[in-house]
């Protein structure tokens, strides 16, 4: 079944039945109404029992009537929503099945949960195509009279009227399009409309019945003391779990930078589990870490191919045309494009695997009921001696009635100060974990510097020490960000210093990766009987770029040392 995808950018407005439509040609850029059509639309919306798609701001519907009848899925994107269409298809045993092409886009959200109808939306629509002086469509205006039914428990029939303005042509995702939406908003509000408080017809259709559905595991609030170190760690893990799921459909559509962002989320999740080991504990942690490492590795191959391709394009553009022949340029571009496409297919295969889905399920279970060290201590069995001591203490307290009033007064005063003490303890615990990550970074720094000029080591071995240093800087940066957002620790300076070090060593590592790939391609070219001079030229250019990147290394390390120094006060 074929599909179509495009960027949807629109604005919705609530409007009374009696409100008169303003003259739309008053909008700058609109010369005339090119076409007016009337439609009777009927859509059935699908979701899981716990409304996973709706909570993720994704809508899935099967709609009949209009110009684009069929299955539609709408997924949030940077500039608006990506809408994907599929054909209506034929029923199977009297039921319409959601096309696999659309399910593929939301696999990370739906997983193995069944999709069932949750609402019906019927719409009498008047659609106007707004065109410029050249008769090119710039937007579509829709005047909708809607009747909707919620199939959820407690659902009711509702009716309302709304206006929609959706950009057309080349305007979606542009600044010109944004300005057009602003002008349209001003015009329609002036006519008596209000910006809709509901993001979609589905949300309006569900109404109060939305609250009657169970929460998906990802939205369950964990039973964790908000003032504990565990709360800070769980919050950081939740943010990156959500990022992982959010970027999944973007990676599947091969959107720009999506592989990189998903890889960052994966590595940051693993880094938090390692750095804050002892706060979140349990046998399942090791399995989650292993799965995250595997996923990050697969994403990393695609990301490396993407980075190298971009670097080479710049290098090729910087070279004189007579230095590299056309054949070499063509082979380099073709080989790198092939390498990325192969790596991206491997990524998609990983995202479609049962191992990946189980990883997501494991993360949800972990974050819904975190196995914290505090919980394990509370659930530990109390020995007989401890129970006896507690009974003796209780007896003694009962006998000292005259003193207990004074003790209670003192305890009350102490209780007032307890939150402050807890906060202080939390800062200390998080600072201790930061120190561990910092000490690891210092050790790797010493190894990298000491071995850089070691003649007994190969070039790759010496470079690997700086690669290890980069990974240590990443972990410390992630930990600093998590600790700073949840405690009173001033980690912003440390975060920035680590980010700068990561940038310095990232440029260095990219040059190393590029050189390694150049050697592979040069070997292939040699076997084809081609001249490999151009590959050698690019190799040397990358070597120079890599060494240049290390010029800022020493200063970056000094900044990290200076940024961590104030945090040591929490450890004394």
Protein backbone atom coordinates (compact mmCIF):
# COMPACT_ATOMS: atom_id res chain seq x y z
CA UNK A 1 0.00 0.00 0.00
CA UNK A 2 1.40 3.37 -1.04
CA UNK A 3 1.60 6.33 1.34
CA UNK A 4 2.00 10.09 1.02
CA UNK A 5 3.66 12.37 3.55
CA UNK A 6 3.66 16.14 3.95
CA UNK A 7 4.10 18.85 6.59
CA UNK A 8 0.85 20.21 8.02
CA UNK A 9 0.88 23.74 9.47
CA UNK A 10 -2.51 25.06 10.53
CA UNK A 11 -4.36 27.20 13.04
CA UNK A 12 -7.75 26.32 14.59
CA UNK A 13 -10.40 28.70 15.88
CA UNK A 14 -13.60 28.26 17.90
CA UNK A 15 -16.51 30.21 16.48
CA UNK A 16 -20.21 30.64 17.23
CA UNK A 17 -22.84 29.42 14.78
CA UNK A 18 -23.97 32.98 14.06
CA UNK A 19 -20.51 34.41 13.34
CA UNK A 20 -20.10 35.84 9.87
CA UNK A 21 -17.11 34.91 7.76
CA UNK A 22 -14.82 37.92 7.08
CA UNK A 23 -13.62 38.84 3.61
CA UNK A 24 -10.59 36.53 3.23
CA UNK A 25 -9.08 38.53 0.37
CA UNK A 26 -8.21 41.15 3.00
CA UNK A 27 -5.33 38.86 3.95
CA UNK A 28 -1.99 39.99 2.53
CA UNK A 29 -0.91 37.49 -0.13
CA UNK A 30 -4.47 36.41 -0.96
CA UNK A 31 -5.75 37.74 -4.28
CA UNK A 32 -8.89 35.65 -4.65
CA UNK A 33 -10.72 32.49 -3.61
CA UNK A 34 -9.76 30.02 -6.34
CA UNK A 35 -12.24 27.33 -5.43
CA UNK A 36 -15.03 26.58 -2.97
CA UNK A 37 -16.03 22.99 -2.19
CA UNK A 38 -18.55 21.36 0.16
CA UNK A 39 -17.84 18.00 1.81
CA UNK A 40 -19.56 15.55 4.13
CA UNK A 41 -16.72 13.96 6.11
CA UNK A 42 -16.87 11.08 8.56
CA UNK A 43 -13.85 9.87 10.52
CA UNK A 44 -13.27 7.05 12.99
CA UNK A 45 -10.33 7.66 15.34
CA UNK A 46 -8.24 4.79 16.70
CA UNK A 47 -6.08 4.44 19.79
CA UNK A 48 -5.04 1.97 22.48
CA UNK A 49 -7.14 1.40 25.59
CA UNK A 50 -4.87 3.74 27.58
CA UNK A 51 -4.82 6.37 24.81
CA UNK A 52 -1.10 6.19 24.08
CA UNK A 53 -1.39 7.98 20.76
CA UNK A 54 -3.57 10.76 22.13
CA UNK A 55 -1.21 11.38 25.04
CA UNK A 56 1.67 11.55 22.54
CA UNK A 57 -0.30 14.14 20.49
CA UNK A 58 -0.62 11.68 17.62
CA UNK A 59 -3.93 11.14 15.82
CA UNK A 60 -4.85 8.12 13.70
CA UNK A 61 -8.11 8.07 11.75
CA UNK A 62 -9.94 6.45 8.89
CA UNK A 63 -11.89 9.11 7.02
CA UNK A 64 -14.36 8.95 4.17
CA UNK A 65 -15.48 11.88 2.05
CA UNK A 66 -13.54 14.85 0.73
CA UNK A 67 -10.48 15.00 -1.47
CA UNK A 68 -8.22 12.87 0.71
CA UNK A 69 -10.34 10.01 2.03
CA UNK A 70 -8.27 7.20 3.50
CA UNK A 71 -6.18 6.51 6.58
CA UNK A 72 -4.43 9.54 8.09
CA UNK A 73 -1.83 9.70 10.83
CA UNK A 74 -0.55 13.02 12.20
CA UNK A 75 2.70 13.13 14.17
CA UNK A 76 4.24 16.19 15.87
CA UNK A 77 7.32 17.65 14.16
CA UNK A 78 9.54 20.70 14.57
CA UNK A 79 7.59 23.05 12.31
CA UNK A 80 4.06 21.62 12.72
CA UNK A 81 2.74 18.10 12.19
CA UNK A 82 3.77 15.48 9.68
CA UNK A 83 0.69 13.98 8.06
CA UNK A 84 0.89 10.61 6.33
CA UNK A 85 -1.90 9.23 4.14
CA UNK A 86 -2.67 5.66 3.16
CA UNK A 87 -5.46 4.20 1.02
CA UNK A 88 -8.77 3.15 2.58
CA UNK A 89 -8.24 -0.52 1.82
CA UNK A 90 -10.79 -3.30 2.05
CA UNK A 91 -12.26 -4.77 5.25
CA UNK A 92 -10.99 -8.12 6.55
CA UNK A 93 -13.73 -10.22 8.16
CA UNK A 94 -15.87 -7.12 8.35
CA UNK A 95 -13.16 -5.03 10.07
CA UNK A 96 -10.84 -2.41 8.70
CA UNK A 97 -7.21 -3.00 9.67
CA UNK A 98 -4.83 -0.14 10.29
CA UNK A 99 -2.27 -0.17 7.44
CA UNK A 100 1.10 -1.56 8.51
CA UNK A 101 2.80 1.40 6.85
CA UNK A 102 1.16 3.71 9.38
CA UNK A 103 1.63 1.38 12.36
CA UNK A 104 5.33 1.34 11.51
CA UNK A 105 5.48 5.08 12.24
CA UNK A 106 4.17 4.74 15.81
CA UNK A 107 5.54 1.32 16.75
CA UNK A 108 7.50 2.78 19.68
CA UNK A 109 4.27 4.21 21.12
CA UNK A 110 1.71 1.50 20.37
CA UNK A 111 4.04 -1.54 20.64
CA UNK A 112 1.87 -4.69 20.90
CA UNK A 113 -1.26 -2.98 22.19
CA UNK A 114 -4.47 -3.31 20.16
CA UNK A 115 -5.87 -0.29 18.35
CA UNK A 116 -9.63 0.17 18.61
CA UNK A 117 -12.11 2.95 17.70
CA UNK A 118 -12.34 5.63 20.39
CA UNK A 119 -14.39 8.34 18.67
CA UNK A 120 -16.34 9.29 15.57
CA UNK A 121 -16.26 12.78 14.10
CA UNK A 122 -18.74 13.83 11.40
CA UNK A 123 -18.13 17.13 9.70
CA UNK A 124 -20.03 19.30 7.23
CA UNK A 125 -17.18 21.29 5.68
CA UNK A 126 -17.01 24.31 3.41
CA UNK A 127 -13.49 24.44 2.00
CA UNK A 128 -12.01 27.48 0.24
CA UNK A 129 -8.72 27.52 -1.64
CA UNK A 130 -7.00 30.89 -1.14
CA UNK A 131 -4.74 31.85 -4.05
CA UNK A 132 -2.29 34.63 -4.90
CA UNK A 133 -2.28 36.83 -8.00
CA UNK A 134 -0.59 34.04 -9.98
CA UNK A 135 -3.39 31.66 -9.01
CA UNK A 136 -1.02 29.62 -6.80
CA UNK A 137 -2.66 28.23 -3.62
CA UNK A 138 -1.29 29.81 -0.44
CA UNK A 139 -3.74 28.35 2.09
CA UNK A 140 -6.96 26.45 2.61
CA UNK A 141 -9.73 27.87 4.79
CA UNK A 142 -12.27 25.45 6.26
CA UNK A 143 -15.58 26.29 7.90
CA UNK A 144 -16.52 23.14 9.84
CA UNK A 145 -19.81 22.20 11.51
CA UNK A 146 -18.90 19.19 13.64
CA UNK A 147 -20.86 16.46 15.40
CA UNK A 148 -18.76 14.03 17.43
CA UNK A 149 -19.24 10.91 19.56
CA UNK A 150 -16.85 9.53 22.17
CA UNK A 151 -16.77 5.72 22.50
CA UNK A 152 -14.95 5.90 25.84
CA UNK A 153 -16.77 5.26 29.13
CA UNK A 154 -18.84 8.34 29.95
CA UNK A 155 -18.58 9.61 26.39
CA UNK A 156 -21.26 11.92 24.99
CA UNK A 157 -22.33 13.49 21.72
CA UNK A 158 -21.05 17.01 21.13
CA UNK A 159 -21.50 19.62 18.43
CA UNK A 160 -19.49 22.74 17.62
CA UNK A 161 -18.30 25.00 14.84
CA UNK A 162 -14.67 25.80 14.07
CA UNK A 163 -12.50 27.48 11.44
CA UNK A 164 -9.19 26.16 10.16
CA UNK A 165 -6.46 27.86 8.18
CA UNK A 166 -3.91 25.46 6.69
CA UNK A 167 -0.88 26.59 4.70
CA UNK A 168 -0.49 25.30 1.15
CA UNK A 169 2.15 25.23 -1.55
CA UNK A 170 5.68 26.12 -0.42
CA UNK A 171 4.62 28.04 2.72
CA UNK A 172 4.65 25.23 5.36
CA UNK A 173 7.81 25.37 7.46
CA UNK A 174 8.83 28.86 6.25
CA UNK A 175 8.97 32.25 7.97
CA UNK A 176 6.62 33.59 5.31
CA UNK A 177 4.13 30.90 6.29
CA UNK A 178 4.43 31.80 9.97
CA UNK A 179 3.69 35.44 9.16
CA UNK A 180 0.66 34.42 7.09
CA UNK A 181 -0.77 32.41 10.01
CA UNK A 182 -0.29 35.44 12.29
CA UNK A 183 -2.14 37.73 9.89
CA UNK A 184 -4.95 35.19 9.47
CA UNK A 185 -5.25 34.85 13.25
CA UNK A 186 -5.61 38.60 13.63
CA UNK A 187 -8.26 38.78 10.91
CA UNK A 188 -10.36 35.89 12.26
CA UNK A 189 -10.20 37.03 15.88
CA UNK A 190 -11.36 40.42 14.70
CA UNK A 191 -14.37 38.71 13.12
CA UNK A 192 -15.34 37.12 16.46
CA UNK A 193 -13.42 33.84 16.51
CA UNK A 194 -11.24 32.56 19.37
CA UNK A 195 -8.05 30.55 19.11
CA UNK A 196 -9.12 26.99 19.84
CA UNK A 197 -8.14 25.61 23.23
CA UNK A 198 -8.19 22.07 21.83
CA UNK A 199 -5.33 20.90 19.61
CA UNK A 200 -7.55 18.61 17.53
CA UNK A 201 -11.10 17.59 16.78
CA UNK A 202 -10.40 14.31 18.54
CA UNK A 203 -9.60 16.01 21.84
CA UNK A 204 -12.82 18.00 21.59
CA UNK A 205 -14.75 14.83 20.72
CA UNK A 206 -13.43 12.95 23.75
CA UNK A 207 -14.26 15.78 26.13
CA UNK A 208 -14.41 14.71 29.78
CA UNK A 209 -14.38 11.00 28.84
CA UNK A 210 -10.66 11.43 28.19
CA UNK A 211 -10.09 11.23 31.95
CA UNK A 212 -11.89 7.87 32.21
CA UNK A 213 -9.20 5.97 30.32
CA UNK A 214 -6.32 4.39 32.25
CA UNK A 215 -2.93 6.09 32.11
CA UNK A 216 -0.20 4.52 29.97
CA UNK A 217 2.79 3.26 31.98
CA UNK A 218 4.97 6.11 30.74
CA UNK A 219 2.72 8.64 32.52
CA UNK A 220 2.43 6.86 35.85
CA UNK A 221 3.92 8.99 38.64
CA UNK A 222 6.55 6.97 40.49
CA UNK A 223 6.42 6.60 44.26
CA UNK A 224 9.63 8.50 44.97
CA UNK A 225 10.38 11.14 47.58
CA UNK A 226 10.58 14.38 45.52
CA UNK A 227 13.39 15.64 47.75
CA UNK A 228 15.53 12.53 47.33
CA UNK A 229 18.48 11.98 44.98
CA UNK A 230 16.44 9.23 43.31
CA UNK A 231 13.85 11.81 42.19
CA UNK A 232 16.53 13.76 40.33
CA UNK A 233 17.82 10.65 38.61
CA UNK A 234 14.32 9.42 37.68
CA UNK A 235 13.43 12.82 36.20
CA UNK A 236 16.54 12.76 34.02
CA UNK A 237 15.82 9.19 32.90
CA UNK A 238 12.19 10.04 32.09
CA UNK A 239 13.22 12.99 29.92
CA UNK A 240 15.52 10.84 27.81
CA UNK A 241 13.07 7.92 27.63
CA UNK A 242 10.53 10.37 26.24
CA UNK A 243 13.10 11.77 23.80
CA UNK A 244 13.90 8.25 22.62
CA UNK A 245 10.23 7.55 21.87
CA UNK A 246 9.65 10.99 20.30
CA UNK A 247 12.54 10.66 17.85
CA UNK A 248 11.69 7.10 16.82
CA UNK A 249 9.22 8.09 14.06
CA UNK A 250 11.56 10.87 12.89
CA UNK A 251 14.39 8.38 12.48
CA UNK A 252 12.06 6.11 10.52
CA UNK A 253 11.28 9.03 8.18
CA UNK A 254 15.01 9.86 8.03
CA UNK A 255 14.52 13.45 9.18
CA UNK A 256 17.64 15.58 9.47
CA UNK A 257 19.58 15.13 12.73
CA UNK A 258 17.06 12.58 14.04
CA UNK A 259 19.59 9.71 14.23
CA UNK A 260 21.98 11.96 16.17
CA UNK A 261 19.32 13.05 18.67
CA UNK A 262 18.06 9.52 19.25
CA UNK A 263 21.64 8.37 19.81
CA UNK A 264 22.19 11.17 22.34
CA UNK A 265 19.06 10.12 24.27
CA UNK A 266 20.21 6.50 24.25
CA UNK A 267 23.72 7.29 25.47
CA UNK A 268 22.48 9.74 28.08
CA UNK A 269 20.11 7.12 29.50
CA UNK A 270 22.96 4.65 29.82
CA UNK A 271 25.27 7.29 31.26
CA UNK A 272 22.79 8.20 34.02
CA UNK A 273 22.32 4.55 34.98
CA UNK A 274 26.10 4.16 35.27
CA UNK A 275 26.94 7.49 36.91
CA UNK A 276 24.19 7.28 39.50
CA UNK A 277 24.65 3.60 40.20
CA UNK A 278 23.64 2.94 43.78
CA UNK A 279 20.72 5.37 43.69
CA UNK A 280 18.71 3.31 41.19
CA UNK A 281 19.56 -0.36 41.69
CA UNK A 282 18.30 -3.82 40.75
CA UNK A 283 19.19 -6.75 38.51
CA UNK A 284 17.28 -5.33 35.52
CA UNK A 285 19.63 -2.33 35.28
CA UNK A 286 22.42 -4.38 33.74
CA UNK A 287 20.12 -5.74 30.99
CA UNK A 288 18.80 -2.25 30.19
CA UNK A 289 22.35 -0.88 30.00
CA UNK A 290 23.38 -3.68 27.63
CA UNK A 291 20.39 -3.05 25.33
CA UNK A 292 21.04 0.69 25.32
CA UNK A 293 24.69 0.08 24.44
CA UNK A 294 23.66 -2.16 21.53
CA UNK A 295 21.18 0.42 20.23
CA UNK A 296 23.65 3.29 20.60
CA UNK A 297 26.22 1.30 18.62
CA UNK A 298 23.82 0.74 15.71
CA UNK A 299 22.77 4.40 15.72
CA UNK A 300 26.44 5.38 15.94
CA UNK A 301 27.34 3.65 12.67
CA UNK A 302 24.63 5.61 10.84
CA UNK A 303 25.60 8.83 12.58
CA UNK A 304 29.28 8.38 11.71
CA UNK A 305 28.39 7.79 8.05
CA UNK A 306 26.21 10.91 8.11
CA UNK A 307 28.97 13.05 9.68
CA UNK A 308 31.69 11.77 7.37
CA UNK A 309 29.55 12.38 4.29
CA UNK A 310 28.97 16.00 5.38
CA UNK A 311 32.70 16.52 6.10
CA UNK A 312 33.75 15.13 2.76
CA UNK A 313 31.32 17.26 0.85
CA UNK A 314 32.93 20.31 2.44
CA UNK A 315 36.43 18.99 1.77
CA UNK A 316 35.60 18.24 -1.85
CA UNK A 317 34.15 21.70 -2.33
CA UNK A 318 37.33 23.24 -0.91
CA UNK A 319 39.64 21.42 -3.35
CA UNK A 320 40.57 22.70 -6.81
CA UNK A 321 38.89 20.85 -9.61
CA UNK A 322 42.22 19.74 -11.06
CA UNK A 323 43.41 18.22 -7.77
CA UNK A 324 40.70 15.58 -7.56
CA UNK A 325 39.35 14.12 -10.77
CA UNK A 326 35.62 13.78 -11.38
CA UNK A 327 35.76 10.00 -11.06
CA UNK A 328 37.24 10.23 -7.54
CA UNK A 329 34.66 12.79 -6.49
CA UNK A 330 31.82 10.67 -7.84
CA UNK A 331 33.06 7.51 -6.14
CA UNK A 332 33.50 9.27 -2.79
CA UNK A 333 30.01 10.76 -2.90
CA UNK A 334 28.43 7.50 -4.07
CA UNK A 335 30.26 5.32 -1.55
CA UNK A 336 29.34 7.51 1.40
CA UNK A 337 25.72 7.76 0.34
CA UNK A 338 25.60 3.98 0.06
CA UNK A 339 27.24 3.58 3.47
CA UNK A 340 24.65 5.82 5.16
CA UNK A 341 21.67 4.16 3.47
CA UNK A 342 22.94 0.73 4.52
CA UNK A 343 23.48 1.91 8.10
CA UNK A 344 20.03 3.54 8.22
CA UNK A 345 18.36 0.31 7.08
CA UNK A 346 20.13 -1.45 9.95
CA UNK A 347 18.78 1.17 12.35
CA UNK A 348 15.22 0.59 11.14
CA UNK A 349 15.66 -3.17 11.54
CA UNK A 350 16.77 -2.56 15.14
CA UNK A 351 13.75 -0.35 15.83
CA UNK A 352 11.46 -3.06 14.46
CA UNK A 353 13.02 -5.76 16.64
CA UNK A 354 11.43 -7.34 19.69
CA UNK A 355 14.57 -6.50 21.67
CA UNK A 356 13.97 -2.79 21.14
CA UNK A 357 10.31 -3.01 22.14
CA UNK A 358 11.24 -4.92 25.27
CA UNK A 359 13.81 -2.23 26.07
CA UNK A 360 11.08 0.41 25.94
CA UNK A 361 8.82 -1.74 28.11
CA UNK A 362 11.67 -2.25 30.61
CA UNK A 363 12.28 1.48 30.81
CA UNK A 364 8.58 2.12 31.44
CA UNK A 365 8.49 -0.48 34.23
CA UNK A 366 11.67 0.88 35.77
CA UNK A 367 10.43 4.47 35.80
CA UNK A 368 6.88 3.64 36.93
CA UNK A 369 8.17 1.75 39.96
CA UNK A 370 11.86 2.68 40.36
CA UNK A 371 13.98 0.14 42.28
CA UNK A 372 15.72 2.73 44.43
CA UNK A 373 18.20 1.96 47.18
CA UNK A 374 15.85 3.55 49.74
CA UNK A 375 13.02 1.18 48.81
CA UNK A 376 15.23 -1.86 49.10
CA UNK A 377 16.37 -0.80 52.55
CA UNK A 378 12.76 -0.26 53.64
CA UNK A 379 11.72 -3.68 52.38
CA UNK A 380 14.65 -5.46 54.04
CA UNK A 381 13.58 -7.79 56.89
CA UNK A 382 14.06 -6.47 60.41
CA UNK A 383 16.04 -8.83 62.72
CA UNK A 384 14.82 -9.87 66.16
CA UNK A 385 17.39 -7.76 67.98
CA UNK A 386 16.20 -4.66 66.17
CA UNK A 387 12.58 -5.42 67.07
CA UNK A 388 13.53 -5.96 70.73
CA UNK A 389 15.40 -2.69 70.85
CA UNK A 390 12.41 -0.91 69.37
CA UNK A 391 10.09 -2.44 72.02
CA UNK A 392 12.45 -1.44 74.82
CA UNK A 393 12.66 2.07 73.49
CA UNK A 394 8.89 2.31 73.34
CA UNK A 395 8.58 1.14 76.96
CA UNK A 396 11.15 3.62 78.18
CA UNK A 397 9.41 6.46 76.37
CA UNK A 398 6.11 5.53 77.98
CA UNK A 399 7.64 5.56 81.49
CA UNK A 400 9.19 8.99 81.09
CA UNK A 401 5.94 10.90 80.78
CA UNK A 402 7.20 14.10 82.39
CA UNK A 403 10.16 14.28 80.02
CA UNK A 404 8.23 13.31 76.90
CA UNK A 405 6.51 16.70 76.60
CA UNK A 406 9.88 18.42 76.44
CA UNK A 407 11.15 15.80 74.01
CA UNK A 408 8.09 16.23 71.80
CA UNK A 409 8.59 19.96 71.71
CA UNK A 410 12.21 19.47 70.71
CA UNK A 411 11.20 16.90 68.07
CA UNK A 412 8.65 19.29 66.60
CA UNK A 413 11.29 21.99 66.31
CA UNK A 414 13.63 19.49 64.68
CA UNK A 415 10.93 18.42 62.22
CA UNK A 416 10.64 22.00 60.97
CA UNK A 417 14.29 21.88 59.95
CA UNK A 418 14.07 18.40 58.38
CA UNK A 419 13.29 19.48 54.80
CA UNK A 420 16.37 21.70 54.82
CA UNK A 421 18.52 18.80 56.06
CA UNK A 422 17.04 16.46 53.45
CA UNK A 423 17.80 18.97 50.71
CA UNK A 424 21.32 19.32 52.00
CA UNK A 425 21.77 15.54 52.07
CA UNK A 426 20.48 15.29 48.52
CA UNK A 427 23.00 17.88 47.35
CA UNK A 428 25.78 15.95 49.04
CA UNK A 429 24.78 12.61 47.54
CA UNK A 430 24.57 14.06 44.03
CA UNK A 431 27.90 15.84 44.53
CA UNK A 432 29.49 12.52 45.49
CA UNK A 433 28.31 10.94 42.25
CA UNK A 434 29.58 13.94 40.31
CA UNK A 435 32.95 13.52 42.01
CA UNK A 436 33.18 9.89 40.87
CA UNK A 437 32.51 10.94 37.28
CA UNK A 438 35.01 13.80 37.61
CA UNK A 439 37.75 11.56 39.02
CA UNK A 440 37.26 9.15 36.12
CA UNK A 441 37.65 12.06 33.71
CA UNK A 442 40.89 13.18 35.40
CA UNK A 443 42.33 9.64 35.16
CA UNK A 444 41.51 9.45 31.47
CA UNK A 445 42.99 12.91 30.91
CA UNK A 446 46.30 11.80 32.44
CA UNK A 447 46.41 8.66 30.28
CA UNK A 448 45.64 10.64 27.11
CA UNK A 449 48.33 13.26 27.76
CA UNK A 450 50.98 10.81 28.99
CA UNK A 451 50.58 8.46 26.03
CA UNK A 452 50.20 10.98 23.22
CA UNK A 453 53.92 10.89 22.42
CA UNK A 454 54.47 7.25 23.39
CA UNK A 455 56.47 5.71 20.50
CA UNK A 456 55.52 2.19 21.58
CA UNK A 457 51.86 2.81 20.77
CA UNK A 458 50.23 3.02 17.36
CA UNK A 459 48.50 6.19 16.21
CA UNK A 460 45.08 4.62 16.79
CA UNK A 461 45.97 3.52 20.30
CA UNK A 462 47.09 7.05 21.22
CA UNK A 463 43.98 8.56 19.68
CA UNK A 464 41.74 6.11 21.53
CA UNK A 465 42.82 7.62 24.84
CA UNK A 466 41.33 10.94 23.73
CA UNK A 467 38.20 9.13 22.58
CA UNK A 468 37.86 7.69 26.11
CA UNK A 469 38.37 11.19 27.49
CA UNK A 470 35.53 12.46 25.31
CA UNK A 471 33.17 9.78 26.65
CA UNK A 472 34.12 10.73 30.22
CA UNK A 473 33.37 14.40 29.47
CA UNK A 474 29.96 13.40 28.09
CA UNK A 475 29.08 11.43 31.20
CA UNK A 476 30.13 14.24 33.51
CA UNK A 477 28.15 16.73 31.43
CA UNK A 478 25.01 14.59 31.56
CA UNK A 479 25.40 14.08 35.30
CA UNK A 480 25.97 17.81 35.89
CA UNK A 481 22.82 18.64 33.95
CA UNK A 482 20.72 16.14 35.93
CA UNK A 483 22.12 17.23 39.30
CA UNK A 484 21.80 20.93 38.56
CA UNK A 485 18.16 20.70 37.51
CA UNK A 486 17.07 18.88 40.67
CA UNK A 487 19.30 20.22 43.46
CA UNK A 488 20.83 23.43 44.76
CA UNK A 489 24.20 22.51 43.26
CA UNK A 490 25.62 25.14 40.92
CA UNK A 491 26.57 22.91 37.99
CA UNK A 492 25.96 25.22 35.03
CA UNK A 493 29.62 26.19 34.70
CA UNK A 494 30.70 22.53 34.87
CA UNK A 495 28.09 21.58 32.28
CA UNK A 496 29.35 24.27 29.87
CA UNK A 497 33.00 23.31 30.40
CA UNK A 498 32.27 19.65 29.69
CA UNK A 499 30.23 20.59 26.62
CA UNK A 500 33.18 22.61 25.31
CA UNK A 501 35.54 19.68 25.91
CA UNK A 502 33.07 17.41 24.15
CA UNK A 503 33.04 19.80 21.19
CA UNK A 504 36.86 19.92 21.01
CA UNK A 505 37.23 16.15 21.16
CA UNK A 506 34.19 15.64 18.93
CA UNK A 507 35.91 17.52 16.10
CA UNK A 508 39.03 15.46 16.73
CA UNK A 509 37.14 12.16 16.74
CA UNK A 510 35.19 13.07 13.59
CA UNK A 511 38.50 13.55 11.78
CA UNK A 512 39.71 10.14 13.03
CA UNK A 513 36.47 8.46 11.85
CA UNK A 514 36.74 10.19 8.49
CA UNK A 515 40.36 9.06 8.05
CA UNK A 516 39.46 5.46 8.83
CA UNK A 517 36.71 5.55 6.22
CA UNK A 518 39.06 7.11 3.68
CA UNK A 519 41.47 4.20 4.11
CA UNK A 520 38.61 1.75 3.44
CA UNK A 521 37.51 3.58 0.30
CA UNK A 522 41.09 3.99 -0.93
CA UNK A 523 41.58 0.25 -0.60
CA UNK A 524 38.42 -0.37 -2.63
CA UNK A 525 39.55 2.14 -5.26
CA UNK A 526 42.96 0.44 -5.46
CA UNK A 527 41.28 -2.90 -6.13
CA UNK A 528 39.28 -1.24 -8.91
CA UNK A 529 42.57 -0.09 -10.43
CA UNK A 530 41.91 3.60 -9.76
CA UNK A 531 44.34 6.33 -8.78
CA UNK A 532 44.21 6.78 -4.97
CA UNK A 533 46.10 10.08 -4.82
CA UNK A 534 42.90 12.00 -4.04
CA UNK A 535 42.11 9.77 -1.07
CA UNK A 536 45.60 10.36 0.31
CA UNK A 537 45.14 14.10 -0.09
CA UNK A 538 41.88 14.05 1.86
CA UNK A 539 43.45 11.79 4.50
CA UNK A 540 46.23 14.28 5.14
CA UNK A 541 43.77 17.16 5.20
CA UNK A 542 41.70 15.34 7.88
CA UNK A 543 44.85 14.58 9.88
CA UNK A 544 45.69 18.29 9.95
CA UNK A 545 42.14 19.22 10.97
CA UNK A 546 42.22 16.68 13.81
CA UNK A 547 45.51 17.96 15.22
CA UNK A 548 44.25 21.52 14.97
CA UNK A 549 41.19 20.58 17.06
CA UNK A 550 43.47 19.51 19.93
CA UNK A 551 44.91 23.04 20.21
CA UNK A 552 42.07 23.93 22.57
CA UNK A 553 42.27 20.75 24.63
CA UNK A 554 44.52 21.97 27.46
CA UNK A 555 42.45 25.10 28.05
CA UNK A 556 39.21 23.09 28.02
CA UNK A 557 40.54 20.75 30.69
CA UNK A 558 41.57 23.71 32.88
CA UNK A 559 38.00 25.04 32.60
CA UNK A 560 36.58 21.71 33.81
CA UNK A 561 38.95 21.68 36.81
CA UNK A 562 38.02 25.25 37.72
CA UNK A 563 34.29 24.53 37.32
CA UNK A 564 34.39 21.49 39.59
CA UNK A 565 36.38 23.16 42.37
CA UNK A 566 33.38 24.93 44.04
CA UNK A 567 31.46 21.61 44.16
CA UNK A 568 34.10 20.09 46.41
CA UNK A 569 32.69 22.18 49.27
CA UNK A 570 29.69 19.84 49.37
CA UNK A 571 32.03 16.92 49.99
CA UNK A 572 33.75 18.32 53.09
